[in-house]
């Protein structure tokens, strides 16, 4: 197999849970050597479900391909180990609350003095400065501030949230892109630098329409929760067919949509010609779609008719249905990874596909502190006695979880 694209780059990883680990997982999958440094008791993801023999599938999914160490970074000896590794590294990634790295002598000012060529990426909910910076944050907290949750739910009803980490994952991907961009800049003769990425900014960037619309109308058009319909556009929304639901977007295929639902009379109606204006009549448009769906025998038949007329549409699938879908199986969107303790686990395949590297590598997630001895001995030339002394003093540790 040819050398993977990021092979030779060294990453020291202080991340936990999802946003940071997702960034470093992508780096590891594409060949970077990632040394993950955890507290002696392990990072939070090791405690989350599902567990087998004390091993968390959640941790395994987000940490394949990383060499794990467990170090007390509050100690002078632990900091010396980190500084030694960082001196040799290309990248440091962390997603502690701002101030934690500084409290442990691992902040940007300290690290750039050790390694001026270093790329350091800090990931947080609110960013490294500002009035909110030091507050604790998770994906849902970022969504709450960024105007995401405000738009989810029924009109004039309680907002809702989804049990998935799209903000964390998206932030991790943004971090990965920023890191690779900074490495390219350095390879072209640029210097090392610090990258500051926040969940609220990544999440706020998801508003592809609403922000500029609100601003350009002087605040007259403020998006609101609309439930199954789009608050502004038509046709775009969730519809019911028999006992199932589907999503239909007819914005750029009005002729096809009207033909599919048997409403040729609507095709040339001037009220519906301009997508920017058709939303004024969304009750009429959506009502016509629903009237047609009420006559169709099944979601599959409705999809067949809509797709034959090039109307964008989809069944609303649950996770199990997606994983078993023929398209998903042919594309390999779900991959099986192996873990010596947990066994086989199916997880989402990395969405990045490269023609020269069509298959993701077979990688494992380390147990807590699994690579302590190897890295200290081979990278920092610690003797076996020095390593034993660090274990006895509680500076490093390991556990089979």
Foldseek 3Di string as FASTA:
>chain_A
DDQFDLAPAEEEEAEAQFQRLLLVVVSQLRHYAYEYEAAQVGGPQLVDDDDDPSGHPSLWQSFWRYHYWHFDLQDPVRVVVVLLSLLVHAEYEYEDQAPPCVNSQNDPVSSCVSPWQHAYEYEYAPKNDDPCRRPHDAQVRLCVVLVNQQQADAFPDHGDDDPDRPLSNQSSVVRNVVSVVQVVCVVVPDIHDYHITHSNVSNNVVCPDAPVVCVVVVNPDHAGHHHQCGRQWPDWGWADADPFIKTWDCLPQLVLVCVLLVNNVPSPDVQCPHRNRVSVVRVVRVVSVRVSSPPDPDPVVSCVSSVVSVTDMGTDDDPVCCCPDPVCVVLVQWDWAQEPRPGIDIDGDPPDADPVPHDGDRTTGDFHRNCVVVCCCPSVVDDPVNSVVCVVVVRIHGDRD
